[in-house]
N, C-alpha and C. Protein backbone atom coordinates (compact mmCIF):
# COMPACT_ATOMS: atom_id res chain seq x y z
N UNK A 1 107.63 63.79 82.97
CA UNK A 1 107.67 64.98 83.80
C UNK A 1 108.56 66.02 83.13
N UNK A 2 108.10 67.25 83.10
CA UNK A 2 108.85 68.35 82.51
C UNK A 2 110.01 68.75 83.42
N UNK A 3 111.19 68.87 82.85
CA UNK A 3 112.33 69.41 83.57
C UNK A 3 113.00 70.46 82.70
N UNK A 4 113.30 71.64 83.26
CA UNK A 4 113.96 72.67 82.47
C UNK A 4 115.36 72.21 82.04
N UNK A 5 115.80 72.71 80.91
CA UNK A 5 117.10 72.32 80.36
C UNK A 5 118.26 72.57 81.34
N UNK A 6 118.30 73.72 82.05
CA UNK A 6 119.41 73.91 83.00
C UNK A 6 119.44 72.84 84.09
N UNK A 7 118.27 72.39 84.54
CA UNK A 7 118.26 71.34 85.56
C UNK A 7 118.74 70.01 84.97
N UNK A 8 118.35 69.71 83.74
CA UNK A 8 118.83 68.49 83.10
C UNK A 8 120.35 68.49 83.00
N UNK A 9 120.92 69.64 82.66
CA UNK A 9 122.37 69.75 82.57
C UNK A 9 123.00 69.56 83.94
N UNK A 10 122.43 70.20 84.96
CA UNK A 10 122.90 70.04 86.34
C UNK A 10 122.86 68.57 86.74
N UNK A 11 121.76 67.91 86.40
CA UNK A 11 121.56 66.50 86.73
C UNK A 11 122.63 65.62 86.08
N UNK A 12 122.99 65.92 84.84
CA UNK A 12 124.00 65.11 84.16
C UNK A 12 125.40 65.41 84.68
N UNK A 13 125.66 66.64 85.10
CA UNK A 13 126.97 67.00 85.63
C UNK A 13 127.18 66.52 87.06
N UNK A 14 126.12 66.55 87.84
CA UNK A 14 126.20 66.23 89.27
C UNK A 14 125.09 65.25 89.66
N UNK A 15 125.12 64.03 89.15
CA UNK A 15 124.01 63.11 89.38
C UNK A 15 123.77 62.79 90.85
N UNK A 16 124.83 62.66 91.64
CA UNK A 16 124.65 62.33 93.05
C UNK A 16 124.00 63.49 93.81
N UNK A 17 124.42 64.70 93.52
CA UNK A 17 123.85 65.88 94.17
C UNK A 17 122.39 66.04 93.76
N UNK A 18 122.11 65.85 92.47
CA UNK A 18 120.73 65.95 91.97
C UNK A 18 119.83 64.93 92.65
N UNK A 19 120.34 63.71 92.83
CA UNK A 19 119.56 62.65 93.49
C UNK A 19 119.27 63.03 94.94
N UNK A 20 120.26 63.54 95.64
CA UNK A 20 120.07 63.95 97.03
C UNK A 20 119.10 65.13 97.13
N UNK A 21 119.19 66.05 96.19
CA UNK A 21 118.27 67.19 96.16
C UNK A 21 116.84 66.71 95.98
N UNK A 22 116.65 65.77 95.06
CA UNK A 22 115.31 65.21 94.83
C UNK A 22 114.80 64.49 96.07
N UNK A 23 115.66 63.72 96.73
CA UNK A 23 115.28 63.02 97.96
C UNK A 23 114.89 64.00 99.05
N UNK A 24 115.63 65.11 99.16
CA UNK A 24 115.30 66.13 100.15
C UNK A 24 113.91 66.71 99.89
N UNK A 25 113.62 66.98 98.62
CA UNK A 25 112.30 67.49 98.26
C UNK A 25 111.19 66.53 98.64
N UNK A 26 111.40 65.24 98.40
CA UNK A 26 110.41 64.22 98.75
C UNK A 26 110.20 64.19 100.26
N UNK A 27 111.29 64.25 101.01
CA UNK A 27 111.19 64.23 102.48
C UNK A 27 110.44 65.47 102.99
N UNK A 28 110.75 66.63 102.43
CA UNK A 28 110.06 67.86 102.85
C UNK A 28 108.57 67.78 102.54
N UNK A 29 108.22 67.25 101.37
CA UNK A 29 106.81 67.14 100.97
C UNK A 29 106.03 66.22 101.91
N UNK A 30 106.68 65.18 102.42
CA UNK A 30 105.96 64.20 103.24
C UNK A 30 106.12 64.43 104.74
N UNK A 31 106.76 65.53 105.14
CA UNK A 31 107.08 65.76 106.55
C UNK A 31 105.91 66.28 107.39
N UNK A 32 104.80 66.64 106.78
CA UNK A 32 103.72 67.24 107.56
C UNK A 32 102.35 66.84 107.07
N UNK A 33 101.32 67.47 107.63
CA UNK A 33 99.94 67.05 107.37
C UNK A 33 99.28 67.63 106.12
N UNK A 34 99.93 68.55 105.41
CA UNK A 34 99.27 69.17 104.26
C UNK A 34 99.11 68.18 103.12
N UNK A 35 97.97 68.26 102.44
CA UNK A 35 97.76 67.42 101.26
C UNK A 35 98.57 67.98 100.10
N UNK A 36 98.75 67.17 99.05
CA UNK A 36 99.63 67.53 97.93
C UNK A 36 99.21 68.83 97.26
N UNK A 37 97.92 69.00 97.00
CA UNK A 37 97.46 70.22 96.33
C UNK A 37 97.81 71.46 97.15
N UNK A 38 97.55 71.40 98.44
CA UNK A 38 97.85 72.53 99.32
C UNK A 38 99.35 72.81 99.36
N UNK A 39 100.15 71.74 99.44
CA UNK A 39 101.61 71.92 99.46
C UNK A 39 102.09 72.66 98.22
N UNK A 40 101.57 72.27 97.04
CA UNK A 40 102.02 72.91 95.81
C UNK A 40 101.50 74.34 95.69
N UNK A 41 100.34 74.64 96.26
CA UNK A 41 99.87 76.03 96.28
C UNK A 41 100.75 76.88 97.21
N UNK A 42 101.16 76.31 98.34
CA UNK A 42 102.09 77.01 99.23
C UNK A 42 103.42 77.23 98.51
N UNK A 43 103.93 76.17 97.87
CA UNK A 43 105.18 76.30 97.10
C UNK A 43 105.06 77.37 96.01
N UNK A 44 103.89 77.45 95.39
CA UNK A 44 103.65 78.46 94.37
C UNK A 44 103.82 79.86 94.96
N UNK A 45 103.22 80.09 96.12
CA UNK A 45 103.35 81.39 96.77
C UNK A 45 104.79 81.72 97.12
N UNK A 46 105.53 80.72 97.58
CA UNK A 46 106.94 80.93 97.90
C UNK A 46 107.72 81.28 96.64
N UNK A 47 107.42 80.58 95.55
CA UNK A 47 108.11 80.83 94.28
C UNK A 47 107.81 82.23 93.76
N UNK A 48 106.59 82.72 93.97
CA UNK A 48 106.25 84.09 93.58
C UNK A 48 107.14 85.06 94.37
N UNK A 49 107.27 84.82 95.66
CA UNK A 49 108.11 85.67 96.50
C UNK A 49 109.57 85.67 96.07
N UNK A 50 110.02 84.55 95.55
CA UNK A 50 111.40 84.44 95.07
C UNK A 50 111.56 85.00 93.66
N UNK A 51 110.44 85.37 93.04
CA UNK A 51 110.40 85.88 91.66
C UNK A 51 111.17 84.91 90.75
N UNK A 52 110.78 83.64 90.84
CA UNK A 52 111.45 82.58 90.09
C UNK A 52 110.50 82.01 89.04
N UNK A 53 110.65 82.40 87.78
CA UNK A 53 109.73 81.91 86.74
C UNK A 53 109.68 80.39 86.66
N UNK A 54 110.84 79.74 86.74
CA UNK A 54 110.87 78.28 86.65
C UNK A 54 110.13 77.62 87.80
N UNK A 55 110.35 78.11 89.02
CA UNK A 55 109.67 77.53 90.17
C UNK A 55 108.18 77.82 90.14
N UNK A 56 107.79 79.03 89.73
CA UNK A 56 106.36 79.36 89.62
C UNK A 56 105.69 78.40 88.65
N UNK A 57 106.29 78.21 87.49
CA UNK A 57 105.70 77.32 86.48
C UNK A 57 105.66 75.88 86.98
N UNK A 58 106.73 75.44 87.61
CA UNK A 58 106.80 74.06 88.10
C UNK A 58 105.72 73.80 89.15
N UNK A 59 105.59 74.69 90.11
CA UNK A 59 104.62 74.47 91.18
C UNK A 59 103.19 74.67 90.70
N UNK A 60 102.99 75.55 89.74
CA UNK A 60 101.65 75.68 89.14
C UNK A 60 101.28 74.39 88.42
N UNK A 61 102.22 73.85 87.66
CA UNK A 61 101.98 72.59 86.94
C UNK A 61 101.67 71.45 87.92
N UNK A 62 102.46 71.36 88.99
CA UNK A 62 102.25 70.30 89.98
C UNK A 62 100.93 70.48 90.71
N UNK A 63 100.56 71.72 91.02
CA UNK A 63 99.27 71.96 91.68
C UNK A 63 98.12 71.54 90.77
N UNK A 64 98.21 71.85 89.49
CA UNK A 64 97.17 71.42 88.54
C UNK A 64 97.09 69.89 88.49
N UNK A 65 98.24 69.23 88.49
CA UNK A 65 98.27 67.76 88.47
C UNK A 65 97.59 67.18 89.71
N UNK A 66 97.61 67.93 90.81
CA UNK A 66 97.00 67.47 92.06
C UNK A 66 95.55 67.92 92.20
N UNK A 67 95.00 68.50 91.13
CA UNK A 67 93.58 68.85 91.14
C UNK A 67 93.26 70.31 91.39
N UNK A 68 94.27 71.15 91.52
CA UNK A 68 93.99 72.58 91.71
C UNK A 68 93.34 73.14 90.44
N UNK A 69 92.46 74.10 90.63
CA UNK A 69 91.82 74.77 89.50
C UNK A 69 92.60 76.03 89.14
N UNK A 70 92.32 76.57 87.97
CA UNK A 70 92.98 77.83 87.60
C UNK A 70 92.57 78.94 88.57
N UNK A 71 91.34 78.88 89.08
CA UNK A 71 90.89 79.87 90.05
C UNK A 71 91.70 79.78 91.34
N UNK A 72 92.02 78.56 91.78
CA UNK A 72 92.83 78.40 92.99
C UNK A 72 94.25 78.91 92.76
N UNK A 73 94.81 78.66 91.59
CA UNK A 73 96.14 79.19 91.28
C UNK A 73 96.12 80.72 91.32
N UNK A 74 95.11 81.32 90.69
CA UNK A 74 95.02 82.78 90.68
C UNK A 74 94.82 83.36 92.08
N UNK A 75 94.07 82.65 92.92
CA UNK A 75 93.88 83.13 94.29
C UNK A 75 95.21 83.11 95.03
N UNK A 76 95.98 82.03 94.86
CA UNK A 76 97.30 81.96 95.50
C UNK A 76 98.19 83.11 95.03
N UNK A 77 98.10 83.45 93.75
CA UNK A 77 98.89 84.57 93.22
C UNK A 77 98.42 85.89 93.82
N UNK A 78 97.12 86.09 93.92
CA UNK A 78 96.58 87.32 94.47
C UNK A 78 97.02 87.52 95.92
N UNK A 79 97.10 86.42 96.68
CA UNK A 79 97.54 86.51 98.07
C UNK A 79 98.97 87.04 98.19
N UNK A 80 99.76 86.88 97.14
CA UNK A 80 101.14 87.37 97.16
C UNK A 80 101.22 88.89 97.05
N UNK A 81 100.17 89.52 96.56
CA UNK A 81 100.20 90.96 96.28
C UNK A 81 100.66 91.79 97.46
N UNK A 82 100.05 91.59 98.62
CA UNK A 82 100.36 92.46 99.76
C UNK A 82 101.67 92.09 100.45
N UNK A 83 102.23 90.95 100.12
CA UNK A 83 103.49 90.54 100.73
C UNK A 83 104.69 90.84 99.84
N UNK A 84 104.59 90.48 98.56
CA UNK A 84 105.75 90.63 97.67
C UNK A 84 105.60 91.76 96.67
N UNK A 85 104.40 92.30 96.53
CA UNK A 85 104.20 93.45 95.67
C UNK A 85 103.59 93.14 94.31
N UNK A 86 103.14 94.21 93.69
CA UNK A 86 102.43 94.12 92.42
C UNK A 86 103.29 93.58 91.28
N UNK A 87 104.52 94.07 91.09
CA UNK A 87 105.31 93.59 89.95
C UNK A 87 105.56 92.07 89.98
N UNK A 88 105.90 91.53 91.14
CA UNK A 88 106.14 90.09 91.25
C UNK A 88 104.86 89.31 90.99
N UNK A 89 103.74 89.80 91.53
CA UNK A 89 102.48 89.11 91.32
C UNK A 89 102.07 89.12 89.86
N UNK A 90 102.18 90.27 89.20
CA UNK A 90 101.80 90.38 87.79
C UNK A 90 102.68 89.49 86.93
N UNK A 91 103.98 89.47 87.21
CA UNK A 91 104.88 88.59 86.46
C UNK A 91 104.45 87.14 86.64
N UNK A 92 104.13 86.75 87.87
CA UNK A 92 103.73 85.37 88.15
C UNK A 92 102.42 85.02 87.44
N UNK A 93 101.51 85.97 87.34
CA UNK A 93 100.26 85.70 86.62
C UNK A 93 100.58 85.32 85.18
N UNK A 94 101.50 86.03 84.56
CA UNK A 94 101.89 85.70 83.19
C UNK A 94 102.50 84.31 83.08
N UNK A 95 103.36 83.96 84.03
CA UNK A 95 104.00 82.64 84.00
C UNK A 95 102.98 81.53 84.21
N UNK A 96 102.05 81.76 85.14
CA UNK A 96 101.02 80.74 85.41
C UNK A 96 100.08 80.61 84.22
N UNK A 97 99.76 81.72 83.58
CA UNK A 97 98.90 81.65 82.39
C UNK A 97 99.54 80.79 81.30
N UNK A 98 100.86 80.87 81.15
CA UNK A 98 101.56 80.02 80.19
C UNK A 98 101.34 78.55 80.51
N UNK A 99 101.42 78.20 81.79
CA UNK A 99 101.22 76.81 82.22
C UNK A 99 99.78 76.39 81.98
N UNK A 100 98.84 77.23 82.36
CA UNK A 100 97.42 76.90 82.18
C UNK A 100 97.11 76.66 80.71
N UNK A 101 97.62 77.51 79.84
CA UNK A 101 97.40 77.34 78.40
C UNK A 101 98.05 76.06 77.90
N UNK A 102 99.29 75.80 78.33
CA UNK A 102 100.01 74.60 77.88
C UNK A 102 99.33 73.32 78.35
N UNK A 103 98.75 73.37 79.55
CA UNK A 103 98.08 72.20 80.11
C UNK A 103 96.63 72.08 79.64
N UNK A 104 96.14 73.11 78.97
CA UNK A 104 94.76 73.08 78.49
C UNK A 104 93.73 73.14 79.59
N UNK A 105 94.03 73.86 80.67
CA UNK A 105 93.12 73.93 81.83
C UNK A 105 92.34 75.22 81.83
């Protein structure tokens, strides 16, 4: 699994906190009725709103792993346009394209 270098450093400095953070994520993912692909597409939209390149790439990668298509990723990005604006959406398109190219999808 890909982890960004800053997170790896955080994990080595604060292993207990990192473990609890990961457990919280697992609990949040399993707390409701959404399937994995849908959850990661929702997370992708949230990451676009936060203008977080790392989170956008992570959730795009995870959505692809759960069977999302590049068209579904792009649709999720387009939906962000009217809520978070054009600059954030365009930036996210670039970040997602990097993931799609790296994953060969």
